[in-house]
């Protein structure tokens, strides 16, 4: 089995550490993890490669908050690159014969759309409660529709994304707490 992890940041943080920790354990069971991340600043891709994982770096980023003209220009460039980055991920899925695509974060639409275009299973990992409520309200129905399974890192996060409907989707949503290495 092959899993493609799509991350929108090349810096080492919580999602990146989790992806590597899970990938190490899955490797022991013969499950291969492949990573797609941005080709921008950061050292996550190098760290993943040093651990023996196949990593593809592509022109892939997430939108930023609108605070001024520079952010507006940045987001416009991302919009222009959306289809090419989605097609690059689709090409990787096909080339690597991936079985499951695991996207991290609310705004990881390129990986999700590529998964559906390829006819592959999609797991969407929701990890943050920092988004404006209107964005969550608008995007959550699409995530419920397109994903095969959703992971949240706490029951309160399930409530954040789905409100009172969270318990109604228990067959489609799992709560998986973030791993902590006590060493």
Protein backbone atom coordinates (compact mmCIF):
# COMPACT_ATOMS: atom_id res chain seq x y z
CA UNK A 1 0.00 0.00 0.00
CA UNK A 2 1.16 3.53 -0.78
CA UNK A 3 0.05 6.70 0.97
CA UNK A 4 0.68 10.16 -0.43
CA UNK A 5 0.91 12.87 2.24
CA UNK A 6 0.30 16.38 0.91
CA UNK A 7 1.54 19.23 3.10
CA UNK A 8 1.29 22.95 2.34
CA UNK A 9 4.37 23.99 4.31
CA UNK A 10 8.01 22.94 4.03
CA UNK A 11 8.85 24.07 7.57
CA UNK A 12 9.01 21.55 10.39
CA UNK A 13 5.96 21.89 12.60
CA UNK A 14 3.24 19.75 14.10
CA UNK A 15 1.79 18.26 10.88
CA UNK A 16 5.24 17.54 9.46
CA UNK A 17 6.44 15.85 12.65
CA UNK A 18 3.24 13.77 12.75
CA UNK A 19 3.56 12.72 9.11
CA UNK A 20 7.11 11.49 9.70
CA UNK A 21 6.23 9.72 12.96
CA UNK A 22 3.31 7.89 11.37
CA UNK A 23 5.28 7.12 8.20
CA UNK A 24 8.08 5.53 10.26
CA UNK A 25 5.60 3.22 11.96
CA UNK A 26 3.74 2.39 8.75
CA UNK A 27 7.06 1.52 7.10
CA UNK A 28 7.47 -1.28 9.67
CA UNK A 29 4.25 -2.80 8.34
CA UNK A 30 5.33 -2.51 4.71
CA UNK A 31 3.22 0.57 3.98
CA UNK A 32 5.07 3.14 1.91
CA UNK A 33 4.66 6.86 2.56
CA UNK A 34 5.41 9.43 -0.12
CA UNK A 35 5.41 13.16 0.60
CA UNK A 36 4.47 16.19 -1.49
CA UNK A 37 5.37 19.59 -0.10
CA UNK A 38 6.21 23.07 -1.39
CA UNK A 39 9.51 23.82 -3.08
CA UNK A 40 10.01 26.92 -0.96
CA UNK A 41 12.05 27.77 2.13
CA UNK A 42 12.22 25.24 4.93
CA UNK A 43 13.97 22.00 5.73
CA UNK A 44 11.16 19.47 6.11
CA UNK A 45 11.73 17.93 2.66
CA UNK A 46 15.42 17.42 3.41
CA UNK A 47 14.62 15.83 6.76
CA UNK A 48 12.10 13.47 5.18
CA UNK A 49 14.57 12.50 2.44
CA UNK A 50 17.27 11.88 5.06
CA UNK A 51 14.89 9.40 6.69
CA UNK A 52 14.55 7.56 3.39
CA UNK A 53 11.16 8.84 2.24
CA UNK A 54 10.45 9.79 -1.34
CA UNK A 55 9.65 13.50 -1.48
CA UNK A 56 8.28 15.58 -4.33
CA UNK A 57 8.61 19.32 -4.04
CA UNK A 58 6.28 21.31 -6.27
CA UNK A 59 4.96 24.84 -6.55
CA UNK A 60 2.38 24.42 -3.79
CA UNK A 61 1.38 26.76 -1.00
CA UNK A 62 -1.67 27.79 0.96
CA UNK A 63 -3.35 31.18 0.86
CA UNK A 64 -2.48 33.85 3.38
CA UNK A 65 -4.65 36.37 5.19
CA UNK A 66 -5.34 39.59 3.32
CA UNK A 67 -3.50 42.31 5.17
CA UNK A 68 -2.38 44.38 2.22
CA UNK A 69 -1.47 44.47 -1.42
CA UNK A 70 1.46 42.05 -1.13
CA UNK A 71 -0.79 39.33 0.34
CA UNK A 72 -3.39 40.00 -2.36
CA UNK A 73 -0.73 39.56 -5.05
CA UNK A 74 0.58 36.39 -3.35
CA UNK A 75 -2.92 34.88 -3.21
CA UNK A 76 -3.60 35.82 -6.83
CA UNK A 77 -0.42 33.97 -7.87
CA UNK A 78 -1.59 30.93 -5.90
CA UNK A 79 -4.93 31.06 -7.68
CA UNK A 80 -3.14 31.07 -11.05
CA UNK A 81 -0.99 28.09 -9.95
CA UNK A 82 -3.91 26.07 -8.52
CA UNK A 83 -4.66 23.98 -11.61
CA UNK A 84 -0.99 23.30 -12.51
CA UNK A 85 -0.19 22.20 -8.93
CA UNK A 86 -3.29 19.99 -8.81
CA UNK A 87 -2.24 18.35 -12.09
CA UNK A 88 1.31 17.81 -10.76
CA UNK A 89 -0.09 15.99 -7.74
CA UNK A 90 -2.34 13.94 -10.02
CA UNK A 91 0.71 12.98 -12.07
CA UNK A 92 2.55 11.90 -8.90
CA UNK A 93 -0.45 9.81 -7.78
CA UNK A 94 -0.48 8.06 -11.15
CA UNK A 95 3.30 7.63 -11.42
CA UNK A 96 3.62 6.22 -7.90
CA UNK A 97 0.41 4.17 -8.08
CA UNK A 98 -0.76 5.66 -4.78
CA UNK A 99 -3.69 4.05 -2.94
CA UNK A 100 -4.62 6.75 -0.40
CA UNK A 101 -4.08 10.50 -0.37
CA UNK A 102 -3.77 12.14 3.04
CA UNK A 103 -4.14 15.91 2.97
CA UNK A 104 -3.32 18.08 5.96
CA UNK A 105 -5.13 21.31 6.75
CA UNK A 106 -8.38 23.01 5.80
CA UNK A 107 -7.02 24.64 2.64
CA UNK A 108 -5.33 21.62 1.02
CA UNK A 109 -7.60 21.49 -2.01
CA UNK A 110 -5.01 20.66 -4.66
CA UNK A 111 -4.24 17.28 -3.09
CA UNK A 112 -7.92 16.57 -2.45
CA UNK A 113 -9.03 17.35 -5.98
CA UNK A 114 -6.14 15.34 -7.44
CA UNK A 115 -7.19 12.36 -5.29
CA UNK A 116 -10.73 12.50 -6.59
CA UNK A 117 -9.61 12.95 -10.21
CA UNK A 118 -7.46 9.84 -9.79
CA UNK A 119 -10.33 7.89 -8.22
CA UNK A 120 -8.34 7.30 -5.02
CA UNK A 121 -9.35 7.33 -1.36
CA UNK A 122 -9.00 10.68 0.35
CA UNK A 123 -8.34 11.23 4.06
CA UNK A 124 -8.58 14.86 5.18
CA UNK A 125 -6.78 15.78 8.39
CA UNK A 126 -8.17 18.92 10.06
CA UNK A 127 -5.72 20.28 12.58
CA UNK A 128 -6.37 23.91 13.38
CA UNK A 129 -9.03 26.22 14.77
CA UNK A 130 -7.40 29.44 13.57
CA UNK A 131 -9.52 29.99 10.48
CA UNK A 132 -12.26 32.63 10.35
CA UNK A 133 -15.67 31.07 11.02
CA UNK A 134 -16.99 32.10 7.60
CA UNK A 135 -14.20 30.15 5.86
CA UNK A 136 -14.93 27.06 7.99
CA UNK A 137 -18.66 27.41 7.35
CA UNK A 138 -18.14 27.65 3.57
CA UNK A 139 -15.50 24.91 3.17
CA UNK A 140 -16.66 22.20 5.58
CA UNK A 141 -19.59 20.99 3.39
CA UNK A 142 -17.17 20.53 0.47
CA UNK A 143 -14.74 18.61 2.69
CA UNK A 144 -17.57 16.34 3.89
CA UNK A 145 -18.63 15.72 0.31
CA UNK A 146 -15.23 15.02 -1.25
CA UNK A 147 -13.39 13.14 1.50
CA UNK A 148 -13.71 9.43 2.22
CA UNK A 149 -12.69 9.99 5.83
CA UNK A 150 -11.90 12.97 8.04
CA UNK A 151 -9.56 13.08 11.00
CA UNK A 152 -9.72 15.75 13.68
CA UNK A 153 -7.24 15.99 16.53
CA UNK A 154 -9.80 16.56 19.30
CA UNK A 155 -13.55 16.38 19.87
CA UNK A 156 -13.60 20.15 20.31
CA UNK A 157 -12.12 20.52 16.82
CA UNK A 158 -14.91 18.33 15.44
CA UNK A 159 -17.35 20.73 17.08
CA UNK A 160 -15.43 23.69 15.62
CA UNK A 161 -15.83 22.37 12.06
CA UNK A 162 -19.27 20.77 12.28
CA UNK A 163 -20.94 22.20 15.36
CA UNK A 164 -23.77 20.05 16.68
CA UNK A 165 -23.58 17.89 13.53
CA UNK A 166 -20.19 16.46 14.54
CA UNK A 167 -21.62 13.40 16.33
CA UNK A 168 -23.91 12.72 13.34
CA UNK A 169 -20.88 11.99 11.14
CA UNK A 170 -19.16 9.50 13.48
CA UNK A 171 -18.85 6.90 10.70
CA UNK A 172 -16.92 9.38 8.53
CA UNK A 173 -14.91 11.26 11.16
CA UNK A 174 -12.33 9.95 13.62
CA UNK A 175 -10.70 11.73 16.51
CA UNK A 176 -6.98 10.93 16.51
CA UNK A 177 -4.99 12.80 19.12
CA UNK A 178 -1.61 14.16 18.13
CA UNK A 179 1.24 11.83 19.04
CA UNK A 180 3.78 12.92 21.62
CA UNK A 181 7.22 11.36 21.79
CA UNK A 182 8.14 11.43 25.47
CA UNK A 183 11.79 10.80 24.66
